[in-house]
Amino acid sequence: MKFRKGLLVGTAFLIAGVGLGSQLSQWSSFSNHSLVVQALAEEVKKDQTNADKSAETYRLLTLFGDVFERVRANYVEPVSDRDLITNALNGMLTGLDPHSSYMTEKQYHNMEIQTKGEFGGLGLEVQEEDGHIKVVSPIDGTPAARAGIKAGDYIIAIDGKNIDGTPLNTAVDKMRGKPNTPITLTLLRLKTPKPIKVTMTREIIHIQVIKSALYGKIGYIRISQFNEETEKGMLKAYDKLQKEAGGKLAGLIIDLRNDPGGLLDQAIAVSRDFIKEGAIVSTKARDPKENHRWNASGKDITNGLPIVVLTNGGSASASEIVSGALQDHRRAIILGGKTFGKGSVQSIMPIPGNGAIRLTIARYYTPSGRSIQGLGITPDIPVQDSYDEPEFSIREADLDHIIKNEGGNKEKPVVRNDLPAIATSIPKQPPKNWPKYDYSKPATDFQLQQGLKVVRSMAGLPVEKDTPIPEIKPDPVTHPDVLKKNKPTTNPPKPANENNPADNKQQAPQTKQPAVH
């Protein structure tokens, strides 16, 4: 993998095929531990020119060797040398910040599959938080999304067995499995008094990172993550929208909600598609020679069409780079919730025969020079997704031992004076009787509906004064009122005959499920 291709700006790991966590397995065992530790210490002594520093390093390496031997000899159960060493490696990296980690060969391979857009399992983005497994986001169109799992849910049991306190990688392994096999997750959800049990069927996940729709003359493009296919898929979706609109597309909504990030080069490429000139993003590393800045490339695929970007607390890293660039250049209006606040860049460093290191190597900065590390991007028009406070509340600033926000522009962002007049009339939250959000029913998506109002206003199109509350029809099979009306008679209908089309029409209607892409 080339170095630039290995730069990541993502927050979470995908279960169902990828889990970068605490239980590691690909490391050769020592045949003579004391000799190896002594040899390492001697090498350090030779390479160090500062005598005091060399002595301290030698003492600490000796301490490691002593602890290793005592655990190996006295722990209540036998532990393999491989587990001890790999746990130590992972502890060294995860103790630096929440986004550095060690990957075994298998985990590294799975991560490469993830960035290429295909893996097997459930379709959940998760992270470990204080010994708990927390859902960052379900991936659109996957078993997890169809089952109604939400960002912010905690997974406490798998197939009835408690996993609280289980390392991330172990939990990931439990959730993996062959396609078409069932799995039941038990979830804890904010403001829900009882645990929720969700049964799903594992399947091969083909990540559809781009989805699009046309609402009148307004195009909608959702980016669910930044992998190797993101920009290519976005350009294809935009061309499709232009054709569907008869070449008269009037505006665009870019949906980055619950987008955990991904590849840095893809975030830069997407930003360049809408910004003609100026900086896109810059990075500052430990060595000033490794600092970089990426600029626009002189194109705007929309030729200046108005753009609204939707964000929330699950919008992180690469999606924050795009949001920050479009906001700083006044190229788009950010609407929704404050973003996650991850302002660092990770590099994947392969170790031949022993996996790879995922290491934080730099901070990144928006075109105005601000760091969003621990702060996130504040939307220009704040809009909650529900009447109550948003459920997704854990952000970068809430994680342990995060890197500091430093080296950026400390001035407060200039208040935007270019917002359309309609911005002052956009409600901060939906009405109390707004129906529960259903991703298969765009009319229930309050943030999307407000984004459409704003972009229509910017495009000079008619805008309804109030957002009509969508009428949701009851499920014809499961809604209690319908069941009462359709109470079975004493003479039940004759079973349908698959060879008789007329009989088949008598079958009960089936609940439709969103297609898997």
Protein backbone atom coordinates (compact mmCIF):
# COMPACT_ATOMS: atom_id res chain seq x y z
CA MET A 1 0.00 0.00 0.00
CA LYS A 2 1.42 3.38 -0.96
CA PHE A 3 1.93 5.80 1.90
CA ARG A 4 -0.70 8.32 0.80
CA LYS A 5 -3.21 5.55 0.19
CA GLY A 6 -2.54 4.47 3.75
CA LEU A 7 -3.61 7.74 5.32
CA LEU A 8 -6.85 7.29 7.23
CA VAL A 9 -9.18 9.73 8.92
CA GLY A 10 -11.88 7.35 10.20
CA THR A 11 -13.31 6.88 13.70
CA ALA A 12 -14.52 3.31 13.90
CA PHE A 13 -14.05 -0.26 12.83
CA LEU A 14 -16.53 -2.36 10.90
CA ILE A 15 -17.73 -5.48 12.57
CA ALA A 16 -18.67 -8.26 10.23
CA GLY A 17 -15.21 -8.56 8.88
CA VAL A 18 -13.03 -5.95 10.54
CA GLY A 19 -12.16 -5.34 14.15
CA LEU A 20 -9.02 -3.63 15.29
CA GLY A 21 -8.98 -4.24 18.98
CA SER A 22 -7.31 -5.71 21.97
CA GLN A 23 -6.84 -9.44 21.40
CA LEU A 24 -3.97 -9.93 18.97
CA SER A 25 -2.51 -13.15 17.73
CA GLN A 26 0.13 -12.85 15.03
CA TRP A 27 3.43 -12.57 16.83
CA SER A 28 6.30 -15.00 17.08
CA SER A 29 6.94 -16.30 20.57
CA PHE A 30 10.29 -15.83 22.26
CA SER A 31 12.43 -18.89 22.74
CA ASN A 32 14.59 -17.27 25.41
CA HIS A 33 12.85 -14.25 26.86
CA SER A 34 15.56 -12.90 29.14
CA LEU A 35 18.19 -13.09 26.40
CA VAL A 36 15.93 -11.36 23.89
CA VAL A 37 15.07 -8.54 26.29
CA GLN A 38 18.74 -8.17 27.17
CA ALA A 39 19.67 -8.07 23.48
CA LEU A 40 17.07 -5.40 22.81
CA ALA A 41 18.34 -3.36 25.71
CA GLU A 42 21.93 -3.68 24.51
CA GLU A 43 20.93 -2.46 21.04
CA VAL A 44 19.26 0.53 22.62
CA LYS A 45 22.41 1.24 24.62
CA LYS A 46 24.55 1.19 21.47
CA ASP A 47 22.22 3.46 19.52
CA GLN A 48 21.63 6.07 22.23
CA THR A 49 24.12 8.90 22.52
CA ASN A 50 22.61 10.32 25.65
CA ALA A 51 23.83 8.19 28.55
CA ASP A 52 21.03 9.11 30.95
CA LYS A 53 18.33 8.38 28.41
CA SER A 54 19.98 5.12 27.47
CA ALA A 55 20.12 4.00 31.09
CA GLU A 56 16.46 4.82 31.62
CA THR A 57 15.44 2.92 28.48
CA TYR A 58 17.51 -0.07 29.58
CA ARG A 59 15.88 -0.02 33.02
CA LEU A 60 12.38 0.07 31.51
CA LEU A 61 13.12 -2.77 29.10
CA THR A 62 14.38 -4.81 32.02
CA LEU A 63 11.18 -3.97 33.91
CA PHE A 64 9.13 -5.22 30.97
CA GLY A 65 11.07 -8.47 30.92
CA ASP A 66 10.55 -9.00 34.67
CA VAL A 67 6.81 -8.37 34.46
CA PHE A 68 6.54 -10.63 31.42
CA GLU A 69 8.22 -13.52 33.25
CA ARG A 70 6.13 -13.09 36.42
CA VAL A 71 2.83 -13.03 34.53
CA ARG A 72 3.91 -15.99 32.43
CA ALA A 73 4.81 -18.00 35.52
CA ASN A 74 2.16 -16.95 38.06
CA TYR A 75 -1.05 -15.96 36.29
CA VAL A 76 -4.03 -18.04 37.44
CA GLU A 77 -4.32 -19.69 34.02
CA PRO A 78 -1.67 -20.48 31.40
CA VAL A 79 -1.24 -17.63 28.90
CA SER A 80 0.59 -18.01 25.61
CA ASP A 81 3.66 -15.89 24.96
CA ARG A 82 1.95 -14.71 21.79
CA ASP A 83 -1.01 -13.29 23.70
CA LEU A 84 1.20 -11.59 26.26
CA ILE A 85 3.39 -9.88 23.68
CA THR A 86 0.58 -8.84 21.36
CA ASN A 87 -1.46 -7.50 24.27
CA ALA A 88 1.58 -5.47 25.28
CA LEU A 89 1.96 -4.12 21.75
CA ASN A 90 -1.67 -3.18 21.55
CA GLY A 91 -1.56 -1.55 24.97
CA MET A 92 1.44 0.52 23.90
CA LEU A 93 -0.46 1.89 20.90
CA THR A 94 -3.98 2.26 22.26
CA GLY A 95 -2.54 4.02 25.28
CA LEU A 96 -1.37 6.83 23.01
CA ASP A 97 -4.78 7.88 21.69
CA PRO A 98 -8.13 6.26 20.80
CA HIS A 99 -7.25 5.88 17.10
CA SER A 100 -3.85 4.16 17.19
CA SER A 101 -3.75 0.36 17.32
CA TYR A 102 -1.94 -2.80 16.29
CA MET A 103 -3.35 -5.05 13.56
CA THR A 104 -2.60 -8.70 13.05
CA GLU A 105 -2.11 -9.95 9.49
CA LYS A 106 -5.74 -11.04 9.37
CA GLN A 107 -6.99 -7.72 10.70
CA TYR A 108 -4.81 -5.81 8.25
CA HIS A 109 -6.19 -7.89 5.39
CA ASN A 110 -9.74 -7.24 6.58
CA MET A 111 -9.06 -3.51 6.73
CA GLU A 112 -7.86 -3.54 3.13
CA ILE A 113 -11.10 -5.29 2.16
CA GLN A 114 -13.05 -2.63 4.04
CA THR A 115 -11.40 0.23 2.20
CA LYS A 116 -12.19 -1.53 -1.08
CA GLY A 117 -15.86 -1.65 -0.12
CA GLU A 118 -16.76 -5.30 0.57
CA PHE A 119 -16.74 -7.50 3.66
CA GLY A 120 -18.85 -10.12 5.37
CA GLY A 121 -21.20 -9.88 8.36
CA LEU A 122 -23.78 -7.48 9.83
CA GLY A 123 -22.80 -3.99 8.69
CA LEU A 124 -22.12 -2.17 11.95
CA GLU A 125 -19.50 0.45 12.70
CA VAL A 126 -18.45 0.03 16.33
CA GLN A 127 -15.85 1.20 18.80
CA GLU A 128 -14.78 0.15 22.28
CA GLU A 129 -15.64 2.58 25.04
CA ASP A 130 -14.65 1.92 28.66
CA GLY A 131 -15.00 -1.83 28.14
CA HIS A 132 -18.33 -1.54 26.33
CA ILE A 133 -19.08 -2.09 22.64
CA LYS A 134 -20.78 1.03 21.26
CA VAL A 135 -22.44 1.40 17.88
CA VAL A 136 -21.09 4.35 15.90
CA SER A 137 -23.44 3.77 12.97
CA PRO A 138 -25.24 1.05 11.03
CA ILE A 139 -24.28 0.98 7.36
CA ASP A 140 -27.11 1.77 4.99
CA GLY A 141 -28.90 -1.20 3.45
CA THR A 142 -27.32 -3.84 5.72
CA PRO A 143 -28.91 -6.30 8.19
CA ALA A 144 -28.01 -3.96 11.05
CA ALA A 145 -29.70 -0.96 9.41
CA ARG A 146 -32.82 -2.94 8.51
CA ALA A 147 -33.07 -4.28 12.05
CA GLY A 148 -33.28 -0.71 13.40
CA ILE A 149 -29.96 -0.61 15.28
CA LYS A 150 -29.05 3.01 16.00
CA ALA A 151 -25.93 5.09 16.54
CA GLY A 152 -25.28 5.24 20.27
CA ASP A 153 -26.67 1.78 21.06
CA TYR A 154 -24.55 -0.43 23.33
CA ILE A 155 -24.21 -4.13 22.47
CA ILE A 156 -24.34 -6.03 25.77
CA ALA A 157 -24.97 -9.63 24.63
CA ILE A 158 -24.52 -11.83 21.55
CA ASP A 159 -26.82 -14.82 21.21
CA GLY A 160 -27.79 -14.42 24.86
CA LYS A 161 -24.19 -14.39 26.18
CA ASN A 162 -22.98 -11.26 27.95
CA ILE A 163 -20.06 -9.43 26.26
CA ASP A 164 -19.77 -6.47 28.62
CA GLY A 165 -16.05 -5.99 29.22
CA THR A 166 -15.12 -8.14 26.23
CA PRO A 167 -12.30 -6.70 24.07
CA LEU A 168 -13.46 -5.22 20.78
CA ASN A 169 -11.75 -7.80 18.61
CA THR A 170 -13.25 -10.70 20.56
CA ALA A 171 -16.73 -9.20 20.23
CA VAL A 172 -16.14 -8.69 16.52
CA ASP A 173 -15.16 -12.35 16.10
CA LYS A 174 -18.39 -13.41 17.80
CA MET A 175 -20.44 -11.30 15.41
CA ARG A 176 -18.73 -12.71 12.35
CA GLY A 177 -20.03 -15.85 10.71
CA LYS A 178 -21.09 -17.57 7.53
CA PRO A 179 -23.75 -15.85 5.39
CA ASN A 180 -27.35 -16.94 6.06
CA THR A 181 -26.67 -17.81 9.71
CA PRO A 182 -28.78 -16.10 12.43
CA ILE A 183 -27.48 -13.93 15.25
CA THR A 184 -29.24 -12.13 18.09
CA LEU A 185 -27.85 -8.95 19.66
CA THR A 186 -29.07 -7.48 22.94
CA LEU A 187 -28.84 -3.70 23.00
CA LEU A 188 -29.08 -0.91 25.56
CA ARG A 189 -30.51 2.35 24.20
CA LEU A 190 -30.72 5.79 25.75
CA LYS A 191 -34.19 6.58 27.16
CA THR A 192 -35.36 3.01 26.54
CA PRO A 193 -36.02 1.32 29.91
CA LYS A 194 -35.60 -2.30 28.82
CA PRO A 195 -32.90 -4.05 26.75
CA ILE A 196 -33.75 -4.55 23.09
CA LYS A 197 -33.23 -7.89 21.36
CA VAL A 198 -32.61 -7.84 17.64
CA THR A 199 -32.31 -10.98 15.51
CA MET A 200 -30.60 -10.73 12.12
CA THR A 201 -29.19 -12.97 9.41
CA ARG A 202 -25.55 -12.56 8.47
CA GLU A 203 -24.79 -11.81 4.84
CA ILE A 204 -22.02 -10.62 2.56
CA ILE A 205 -21.98 -6.84 2.86
CA HIS A 206 -21.40 -4.89 -0.33
CA ILE A 207 -21.02 -1.39 0.96
CA GLN A 208 -22.99 1.04 -1.14
CA VAL A 209 -21.15 4.15 -0.03
CA ILE A 210 -23.15 6.40 -2.38
CA LYS A 211 -26.92 6.73 -2.63
CA SER A 212 -28.84 9.35 -4.55
CA ALA A 213 -32.37 10.63 -5.11
CA LEU A 214 -34.05 13.48 -6.92
CA TYR A 215 -36.57 15.69 -5.12
CA GLY A 216 -38.09 17.89 -7.78
CA LYS A 217 -35.07 19.77 -9.12
CA ILE A 218 -32.94 19.20 -6.03
CA GLY A 219 -30.40 16.38 -6.08
CA TYR A 220 -29.57 14.35 -2.98
CA ILE A 221 -26.31 12.41 -2.53
CA ARG A 222 -25.56 10.40 0.59
CA ILE A 223 -21.95 9.44 1.35
CA SER A 224 -21.85 6.73 4.03
CA GLN A 225 -18.03 6.45 4.19
CA PHE A 226 -14.86 7.32 2.31
CA ASN A 227 -13.35 4.24 0.71
CA GLU A 228 -11.55 3.79 -2.61
CA GLU A 229 -14.81 3.99 -4.58
CA THR A 230 -16.31 7.11 -2.97
CA GLU A 231 -15.44 9.91 -5.37
CA LYS A 232 -16.00 7.73 -8.43
CA GLY A 233 -19.43 6.75 -7.11
CA MET A 234 -20.33 10.34 -6.24
CA LEU A 235 -19.47 11.61 -9.72
CA LYS A 236 -21.55 8.82 -11.24
CA ALA A 237 -24.48 9.69 -8.96
CA TYR A 238 -24.25 13.38 -9.82
CA ASP A 239 -24.30 12.67 -13.57
CA LYS A 240 -27.33 10.43 -13.06
CA LEU A 241 -29.16 13.17 -11.14
CA GLN A 242 -28.43 15.70 -13.89
CA LYS A 243 -29.90 13.38 -16.51
CA GLU A 244 -32.97 12.67 -14.38
CA ALA A 245 -33.48 16.42 -13.95
CA GLY A 246 -33.20 16.99 -17.69
CA GLY A 247 -29.99 18.93 -17.23
CA LYS A 248 -31.78 21.45 -14.98
CA LEU A 249 -30.62 20.46 -11.52
CA ALA A 250 -31.20 23.49 -9.26
CA GLY A 251 -29.35 22.52 -6.09
CA LEU A 252 -27.70 19.71 -4.17
CA ILE A 253 -27.85 18.15 -0.71
CA ILE A 254 -24.80 16.17 0.44
CA ASP A 255 -25.67 13.90 3.37
CA LEU A 256 -22.68 13.11 5.62
CA ARG A 257 -24.65 12.07 8.71
CA ASN A 258 -23.21 9.01 10.49
CA ASP A 259 -20.28 8.97 8.05
CA PRO A 260 -17.31 7.83 10.20
CA GLY A 261 -14.65 8.84 7.68
CA GLY A 262 -12.10 6.77 5.81
CA LEU A 263 -9.36 7.63 3.32
CA LEU A 264 -7.83 11.09 3.35
CA ASP A 265 -7.25 11.21 -0.41
CA GLN A 266 -10.95 10.56 -1.03
CA ALA A 267 -11.99 13.39 1.29
CA ILE A 268 -9.67 15.71 -0.65
CA ALA A 269 -10.98 14.49 -4.02
CA VAL A 270 -14.63 14.99 -3.02
CA SER A 271 -13.90 18.49 -1.70
CA ARG A 272 -12.08 19.41 -4.91
CA ASP A 273 -15.20 18.53 -6.91
CA PHE A 274 -17.02 21.52 -5.40
CA ILE A 275 -14.30 24.09 -4.60
CA LYS A 276 -12.53 25.85 -7.47
CA GLU A 277 -9.59 27.46 -5.71
CA GLY A 278 -7.83 27.75 -2.38
CA ALA A 279 -6.83 25.29 0.31
CA ILE A 280 -8.75 22.10 0.99
CA VAL A 281 -6.93 20.80 4.07
CA SER A 282 -3.47 20.91 5.63
CA THR A 283 -1.67 18.59 8.04
CA LYS A 284 1.04 19.18 10.63
CA ALA A 285 3.25 16.30 11.74
CA ARG A 286 5.96 15.94 14.38
CA ASP A 287 8.62 16.65 11.76
CA PRO A 288 7.88 19.95 9.93
CA LYS A 289 9.24 18.38 6.74
CA GLU A 290 6.22 16.06 6.80
CA ASN A 291 3.69 18.91 6.86
CA HIS A 292 1.43 19.02 3.80
CA ARG A 293 -1.24 21.17 2.21
CA TRP A 294 -3.70 20.20 -0.50
CA ASN A 295 -5.34 22.79 -2.74
CA ALA A 296 -8.33 22.89 -5.05
CA SER A 297 -7.80 21.90 -8.67
CA GLY A 298 -9.84 24.56 -10.46
CA LYS A 299 -13.16 22.74 -10.97
CA ASP A 300 -16.67 22.72 -9.59
CA ILE A 301 -18.79 19.96 -11.10
CA THR A 302 -21.98 21.85 -10.20
CA ASN A 303 -20.95 25.21 -11.72
CA GLY A 304 -21.92 27.02 -8.54
CA LEU A 305 -25.21 25.33 -7.64
CA PRO A 306 -26.36 25.94 -4.04
CA ILE A 307 -25.34 23.15 -1.66
CA VAL A 308 -26.53 22.11 1.79
CA VAL A 309 -24.50 19.56 3.78
CA LEU A 310 -26.25 17.47 6.45
CA THR A 311 -24.18 16.50 9.53
CA ASN A 312 -24.63 15.01 12.99
CA GLY A 313 -22.56 13.60 15.86
CA GLY A 314 -21.66 10.56 13.76
CA SER A 315 -20.04 12.68 11.03
CA ALA A 316 -16.32 12.27 11.64
CA SER A 317 -12.84 12.69 10.21
CA ALA A 318 -13.02 12.56 6.40
CA SER A 319 -16.60 13.84 6.48
CA GLU A 320 -15.44 16.67 8.76
CA ILE A 321 -12.67 17.55 6.29
CA VAL A 322 -15.26 17.91 3.52
CA SER A 323 -17.70 19.82 5.75
CA GLY A 324 -14.96 22.12 7.05
CA ALA A 325 -13.64 22.91 3.57
CA LEU A 326 -17.09 23.67 2.16
CA GLN A 327 -17.99 25.76 5.20
CA ASP A 328 -14.74 27.79 5.27
CA HIS A 329 -15.04 28.57 1.55
CA ARG A 330 -18.72 29.56 2.00
CA ARG A 331 -19.41 26.97 -0.67
CA ALA A 332 -22.14 25.17 1.28
CA ILE A 333 -24.38 25.61 4.29
CA ILE A 334 -23.94 23.05 7.05
CA LEU A 335 -27.26 21.97 8.57
CA GLY A 336 -27.97 19.45 11.32
CA GLY A 337 -25.90 18.61 14.43
CA LYS A 338 -22.34 19.28 15.57
CA THR A 339 -19.87 16.75 14.17
CA PHE A 340 -17.75 14.19 16.07
CA GLY A 341 -14.56 16.27 16.38
CA LYS A 342 -11.72 14.01 15.21
CA GLY A 343 -8.94 16.20 13.86
CA SER A 344 -6.13 13.68 13.42
CA VAL A 345 -4.69 11.57 10.61
CA GLN A 346 -3.56 7.95 10.89
CA SER A 347 -1.04 6.13 8.74
CA ILE A 348 -1.11 2.39 8.11
CA MET A 349 2.44 1.04 8.47
CA PRO A 350 2.70 -2.61 7.36
CA ILE A 351 5.11 -4.88 9.24
CA PRO A 352 5.94 -7.74 6.84
CA GLY A 353 4.78 -11.03 8.32
CA ASN A 354 3.32 -9.35 11.40
CA GLY A 355 0.33 -7.24 10.39
CA ALA A 356 0.49 -3.46 10.60
CA ILE A 357 0.43 -0.44 12.88
CA ARG A 358 -2.34 2.13 12.70
CA LEU A 359 -0.57 5.20 14.08
CA THR A 360 -1.64 8.81 14.52
CA ILE A 361 0.97 10.85 12.65
CA ALA A 362 -0.52 14.32 12.19
CA ARG A 363 -3.25 16.81 13.00
CA TYR A 364 -5.28 18.31 10.16
CA TYR A 365 -6.61 21.84 9.72
CA THR A 366 -9.46 23.35 7.71
CA PRO A 367 -8.73 25.98 5.00
CA SER A 368 -9.02 28.80 7.58
CA GLY A 369 -6.38 27.08 9.71
CA ARG A 370 -8.66 25.87 12.51
CA SER A 371 -8.33 22.50 14.20
CA ILE A 372 -11.60 20.73 14.92
CA GLN A 373 -9.89 18.20 17.23
CA GLY A 374 -12.19 17.65 20.22
CA LEU A 375 -14.45 20.48 19.03
CA GLY A 376 -16.19 19.32 15.89
CA ILE A 377 -17.82 21.52 13.28
CA THR A 378 -20.73 23.63 14.42
CA PRO A 379 -23.53 23.70 11.83
CA ASP A 380 -24.55 27.01 10.30
CA ILE A 381 -28.18 26.03 10.86
CA PRO A 382 -28.57 23.70 13.88
CA VAL A 383 -31.45 21.23 13.52
CA GLN A 384 -32.08 18.23 15.78
CA ASP A 385 -33.25 14.96 14.27
CA SER A 386 -35.91 14.41 16.92
CA TYR A 387 -38.04 16.36 19.37
CA ASP A 388 -35.91 15.23 22.29
CA GLU A 389 -32.17 15.83 22.54
CA PRO A 390 -30.18 13.84 19.95
CA GLU A 391 -29.38 10.31 21.10
CA PHE A 392 -25.83 10.35 19.67
CA SER A 393 -23.89 12.19 22.37
CA ILE A 394 -20.44 10.55 22.56
CA ARG A 395 -17.85 12.52 20.63
CA GLU A 396 -14.06 12.75 20.41
CA ALA A 397 -13.89 15.03 23.46
CA ASP A 398 -15.55 12.32 25.57
CA LEU A 399 -12.92 9.66 24.78
CA ASP A 400 -9.92 8.90 26.99
CA HIS A 401 -6.41 10.29 26.33
CA ILE A 402 -7.26 12.16 23.13
CA ILE A 403 -4.57 14.31 21.53
CA LYS A 404 -4.65 18.03 22.28
CA ASN A 405 -6.11 20.66 20.00
CA GLU A 406 -3.07 22.74 19.13
CA GLY A 407 -1.23 24.44 16.30
CA GLY A 408 -4.30 25.92 14.66
CA ASN A 409 -5.99 29.27 14.28
CA LYS A 410 -7.35 30.19 17.72
CA GLU A 411 -9.58 33.01 16.51
CA LYS A 412 -13.32 32.48 16.68
CA PRO A 413 -14.88 31.63 13.31
CA VAL A 414 -16.32 34.62 11.50
CA VAL A 415 -20.10 34.69 11.77
CA ARG A 416 -21.60 33.92 8.39
CA ASN A 417 -23.46 36.78 6.79
CA ASP A 418 -24.31 34.93 3.60
CA LEU A 419 -27.07 32.66 4.92
CA PRO A 420 -30.41 32.90 3.11
CA ALA A 421 -33.28 34.69 4.84
CA ILE A 422 -35.08 31.38 5.39
CA ALA A 423 -32.32 30.30 7.81
CA THR A 424 -33.93 32.30 10.65
CA SER A 425 -37.24 30.46 10.25
CA ILE A 426 -35.86 26.91 10.23
CA PRO A 427 -37.00 25.17 13.46
CA LYS A 428 -34.33 23.77 15.78
CA GLN A 429 -36.25 20.54 16.27
CA PRO A 430 -39.27 18.75 14.82
CA PRO A 431 -42.70 19.17 16.40
CA LYS A 432 -43.59 16.83 19.25
CA ASN A 433 -45.96 14.81 17.05
CA TRP A 434 -43.40 14.27 14.29
CA PRO A 435 -43.35 10.54 13.40
CA LYS A 436 -40.44 8.27 14.23
CA TYR A 437 -37.68 8.43 11.65
CA ASP A 438 -37.72 5.62 9.08
CA TYR A 439 -34.78 5.75 6.67
CA SER A 440 -36.91 4.14 3.93
CA LYS A 441 -39.42 7.03 4.21
CA PRO A 442 -37.67 10.36 3.44
CA ALA A 443 -40.76 12.32 4.53
CA THR A 444 -39.98 11.32 8.15
CA ASP A 445 -36.41 12.69 7.93
CA PHE A 446 -36.82 16.10 9.56
CA GLN A 447 -33.25 17.28 8.93
CA LEU A 448 -33.52 16.34 5.25
CA GLN A 449 -36.82 18.18 4.91
CA GLN A 450 -35.29 21.35 6.40
CA GLY A 451 -32.27 20.98 4.12
CA LEU A 452 -34.59 20.80 1.11
CA LYS A 453 -36.34 24.00 2.22
CA VAL A 454 -33.02 25.83 2.53
CA VAL A 455 -31.57 24.70 -0.79
CA ARG A 456 -34.85 25.41 -2.61
CA SER A 457 -34.82 28.92 -1.18
CA MET A 458 -31.21 29.40 -2.29
CA ALA A 459 -32.18 28.19 -5.77
CA GLY A 460 -35.13 30.59 -5.98
CA LEU A 461 -37.70 27.79 -5.99
CA PRO A 462 -41.05 27.88 -4.15
CA VAL A 463 -40.78 26.85 -0.50
CA GLU A 464 -43.60 25.81 1.81
CA LYS A 465 -43.84 28.00 4.89
CA ASP A 466 -44.21 25.05 7.25
CA THR A 467 -42.95 21.50 6.94
CA PRO A 468 -46.05 19.27 6.71
CA ILE A 469 -46.13 16.43 9.22
CA PRO A 470 -45.99 13.23 7.16
CA GLU A 471 -48.90 10.85 7.42
CA ILE A 472 -47.59 7.36 8.14
CA LYS A 473 -49.99 4.58 7.24
CA PRO A 474 -50.17 1.64 9.65
CA ASP A 475 -48.45 -1.59 8.74
CA PRO A 476 -51.13 -3.74 7.08
CA VAL A 477 -49.87 -6.87 8.86
CA THR A 478 -48.72 -5.90 12.34
CA HIS A 479 -50.58 -2.72 13.33
CA PRO A 480 -53.01 -3.58 16.17
CA ASP A 481 -55.94 -1.57 14.73
CA VAL A 482 -55.64 -3.42 11.44
CA LEU A 483 -55.39 -6.77 13.21
CA LYS A 484 -58.66 -6.07 14.99
CA LYS A 485 -60.41 -5.27 11.73
CA ASN A 486 -58.97 -8.39 10.08
CA LYS A 487 -59.82 -10.76 12.91
CA PRO A 488 -59.99 -14.32 11.51
CA THR A 489 -63.45 -15.80 10.96
CA THR A 490 -64.51 -19.26 12.06
CA ASN A 491 -63.92 -20.45 8.50
CA PRO A 492 -60.31 -19.56 7.63
CA PRO A 493 -59.49 -19.10 3.93
CA LYS A 494 -58.25 -22.08 1.94
CA PRO A 495 -54.42 -22.24 1.77
CA ALA A 496 -53.02 -20.73 -1.40
CA ASN A 497 -52.02 -23.07 -4.20
CA GLU A 498 -48.73 -22.11 -5.78
CA ASN A 499 -50.03 -23.53 -9.07
CA ASN A 500 -53.18 -21.41 -8.98
CA PRO A 501 -52.56 -17.68 -9.54
CA ALA A 502 -56.05 -16.83 -8.27
CA ASP A 503 -55.34 -18.59 -4.98
CA ASN A 504 -52.01 -16.80 -4.66
CA LYS A 505 -53.81 -13.45 -4.61
CA GLN A 506 -55.40 -14.45 -1.31
CA GLN A 507 -52.08 -14.58 0.51
CA ALA A 508 -51.55 -12.05 3.27
CA PRO A 509 -49.49 -9.04 2.18
CA GLN A 510 -45.84 -9.24 3.15
CA THR A 511 -43.94 -6.48 4.88
CA LYS A 512 -41.46 -5.07 2.39
CA GLN A 513 -37.82 -4.89 3.35
CA PRO A 514 -35.33 -2.44 1.82
CA ALA A 515 -33.19 -4.02 -0.86
CA VAL A 516 -29.60 -4.91 -0.07
CA HIS A 517 -27.09 -3.35 -2.42
